[in-house]
């Protein structure tokens, strides 16, 4: 049926299966690790002590502001505020 030189390709194992098994092996981060990650992210952002200062400058860029639960300061949002 097939010429002698024709060799059927061997099916490859699913790479996804391996990656899913690795995901199940990963441990859930502890609360301390989560808090440390939040602190680290917060430290990289522009921080304002007063809401009015943050809003004034954010308006120039068309952004909103939010109160940070980690540092207690005010940060810019990444998106424009909702008009509602």
C-alpha atoms as a PDB file:
ATOM      1  CA  UNK A   1       0.000   0.000   0.000  1.00  0.00           C
ATOM      2  CA  UNK A   2       2.728   2.525   1.025  1.00  0.00           C
ATOM      3  CA  UNK A   3       6.165   2.594  -0.532  1.00  0.00           C
ATOM      4  CA  UNK A   4       8.828   0.837   1.558  1.00  0.00           C
ATOM      5  CA  UNK A   5      10.623   4.080   2.403  1.00  0.00           C
ATOM      6  CA  UNK A   6       7.492   5.656   3.888  1.00  0.00           C
ATOM      7  CA  UNK A   7       7.689   5.682   7.667  1.00  0.00           C
ATOM      8  CA  UNK A   8       4.711   6.615   9.772  1.00  0.00           C
ATOM      9  CA  UNK A   9       5.413   9.399  12.234  1.00  0.00           C
ATOM     10  CA  UNK A  10       5.252   8.395  15.834  1.00  0.00           C
ATOM     11  CA  UNK A  11       2.656  10.408  17.758  1.00  0.00           C
ATOM     12  CA  UNK A  12       4.224  12.894  20.138  1.00  0.00           C
ATOM     13  CA  UNK A  13       3.312  12.982  23.788  1.00  0.00           C
ATOM     14  CA  UNK A  14       1.276  15.922  24.857  1.00  0.00           C
ATOM     15  CA  UNK A  15       3.389  18.706  26.320  1.00  0.00           C
ATOM     16  CA  UNK A  16       0.310  20.117  27.954  1.00  0.00           C
ATOM     17  CA  UNK A  17      -0.098  17.054  30.106  1.00  0.00           C
ATOM     18  CA  UNK A  18       3.366  17.618  31.541  1.00  0.00           C
ATOM     19  CA  UNK A  19       2.737  21.278  32.227  1.00  0.00           C
ATOM     20  CA  UNK A  20      -0.562  20.539  33.963  1.00  0.00           C
ATOM     21  CA  UNK A  21       1.132  18.026  36.240  1.00  0.00           C
ATOM     22  CA  UNK A  22       3.767  20.625  37.138  1.00  0.00           C
ATOM     23  CA  UNK A  23       1.031  23.122  37.985  1.00  0.00           C
ATOM     24  CA  UNK A  24      -0.563  20.710  40.404  1.00  0.00           C
ATOM     25  CA  UNK A  25       2.814  20.262  42.122  1.00  0.00           C
ATOM     26  CA  UNK A  26       3.213  23.997  42.760  1.00  0.00           C
ATOM     27  CA  UNK A  27       2.357  25.100  46.266  1.00  0.00           C
ATOM     28  CA  UNK A  28      -0.138  27.852  46.992  1.00  0.00           C
ATOM     29  CA  UNK A  29       1.703  30.966  48.239  1.00  0.00           C
ATOM     30  CA  UNK A  30       1.377  31.661  51.942  1.00  0.00           C
ATOM     31  CA  UNK A  31      -0.354  34.777  53.243  1.00  0.00           C
ATOM     32  CA  UNK A  32       3.061  36.197  54.136  1.00  0.00           C
ATOM     33  CA  UNK A  33       4.303  35.665  50.564  1.00  0.00           C
ATOM     34  CA  UNK A  34       1.175  37.310  49.158  1.00  0.00           C
ATOM     35  CA  UNK A  35       1.580  40.320  51.435  1.00  0.00           C
ATOM     36  CA  UNK A  36       5.260  40.649  50.500  1.00  0.00           C
ATOM     37  CA  UNK A  37       4.334  40.618  46.795  1.00  0.00           C
ATOM     38  CA  UNK A  38       1.757  43.363  47.392  1.00  0.00           C
ATOM     39  CA  UNK A  39       4.299  45.479  49.272  1.00  0.00           C
ATOM     40  CA  UNK A  40       6.793  45.043  46.464  1.00  0.00           C
ATOM     41  CA  UNK A  41       4.250  46.100  43.816  1.00  0.00           C
ATOM     42  CA  UNK A  42       3.166  49.056  45.925  1.00  0.00           C
ATOM     43  CA  UNK A  43       6.747  50.261  46.307  1.00  0.00           C
ATOM     44  CA  UNK A  44       7.114  50.575  42.532  1.00  0.00           C
ATOM     45  CA  UNK A  45       4.124  52.907  42.175  1.00  0.00           C
ATOM     46  CA  UNK A  46       3.800  56.657  42.559  1.00  0.00           C
ATOM     47  CA  UNK A  47       2.351  57.306  46.023  1.00  0.00           C
ATOM     48  CA  UNK A  48       0.420  60.344  47.227  1.00  0.00           C
ATOM     49  CA  UNK A  49      -0.384  61.121  50.845  1.00  0.00           C
ATOM     50  CA  UNK A  50      -3.511  63.113  49.993  1.00  0.00           C
ATOM     51  CA  UNK A  51      -6.398  62.182  47.726  1.00  0.00           C
ATOM     52  CA  UNK A  52      -6.706  65.726  46.351  1.00  0.00           C
ATOM     53  CA  UNK A  53      -3.070  65.800  45.209  1.00  0.00           C
ATOM     54  CA  UNK A  54      -3.462  62.440  43.494  1.00  0.00           C
ATOM     55  CA  UNK A  55      -6.723  63.450  41.791  1.00  0.00           C
ATOM     56  CA  UNK A  56      -5.300  66.734  40.545  1.00  0.00           C
ATOM     57  CA  UNK A  57      -2.342  65.084  38.849  1.00  0.00           C
ATOM     58  CA  UNK A  58      -4.348  62.056  37.666  1.00  0.00           C
ATOM     59  CA  UNK A  59      -6.787  64.388  35.887  1.00  0.00           C
ATOM     60  CA  UNK A  60      -3.919  65.666  33.728  1.00  0.00           C
ATOM     61  CA  UNK A  61      -3.285  62.095  32.542  1.00  0.00           C
ATOM     62  CA  UNK A  62      -6.947  61.096  32.353  1.00  0.00           C
ATOM     63  CA  UNK A  63      -6.604  58.489  35.112  1.00  0.00           C
ATOM     64  CA  UNK A  64      -8.410  57.764  38.334  1.00  0.00           C
ATOM     65  CA  UNK A  65      -7.053  57.166  41.830  1.00  0.00           C
ATOM     66  CA  UNK A  66      -7.556  54.548  44.515  1.00  0.00           C
ATOM     67  CA  UNK A  67      -6.640  54.161  48.175  1.00  0.00           C
ATOM     68  CA  UNK A  68      -3.995  51.488  48.671  1.00  0.00           C
ATOM     69  CA  UNK A  69      -4.729  48.915  51.372  1.00  0.00           C
ATOM     70  CA  UNK A  70      -1.026  48.127  51.765  1.00  0.00           C
ATOM     71  CA  UNK A  71       0.545  51.559  52.301  1.00  0.00           C
ATOM     72  CA  UNK A  72      -2.535  53.696  53.033  1.00  0.00           C
ATOM     73  CA  UNK A  73      -1.544  56.177  50.313  1.00  0.00           C
ATOM     74  CA  UNK A  74      -3.186  56.997  46.987  1.00  0.00           C
ATOM     75  CA  UNK A  75      -2.110  55.532  43.624  1.00  0.00           C
ATOM     76  CA  UNK A  76      -3.152  56.099  40.007  1.00  0.00           C
ATOM     77  CA  UNK A  77      -5.370  53.536  38.324  1.00  0.00           C
ATOM     78  CA  UNK A  78      -4.159  51.991  35.079  1.00  0.00           C
ATOM     79  CA  UNK A  79      -7.362  52.960  33.265  1.00  0.00           C
ATOM     80  CA  UNK A  80      -9.475  56.120  32.993  1.00  0.00           C
ATOM     81  CA  UNK A  81     -12.180  56.456  35.636  1.00  0.00           C
ATOM     82  CA  UNK A  82     -15.749  55.440  34.803  1.00  0.00           C
ATOM     83  CA  UNK A  83     -17.869  58.470  33.832  1.00  0.00           C
ATOM     84  CA  UNK A  84     -20.725  57.221  36.069  1.00  0.00           C
END
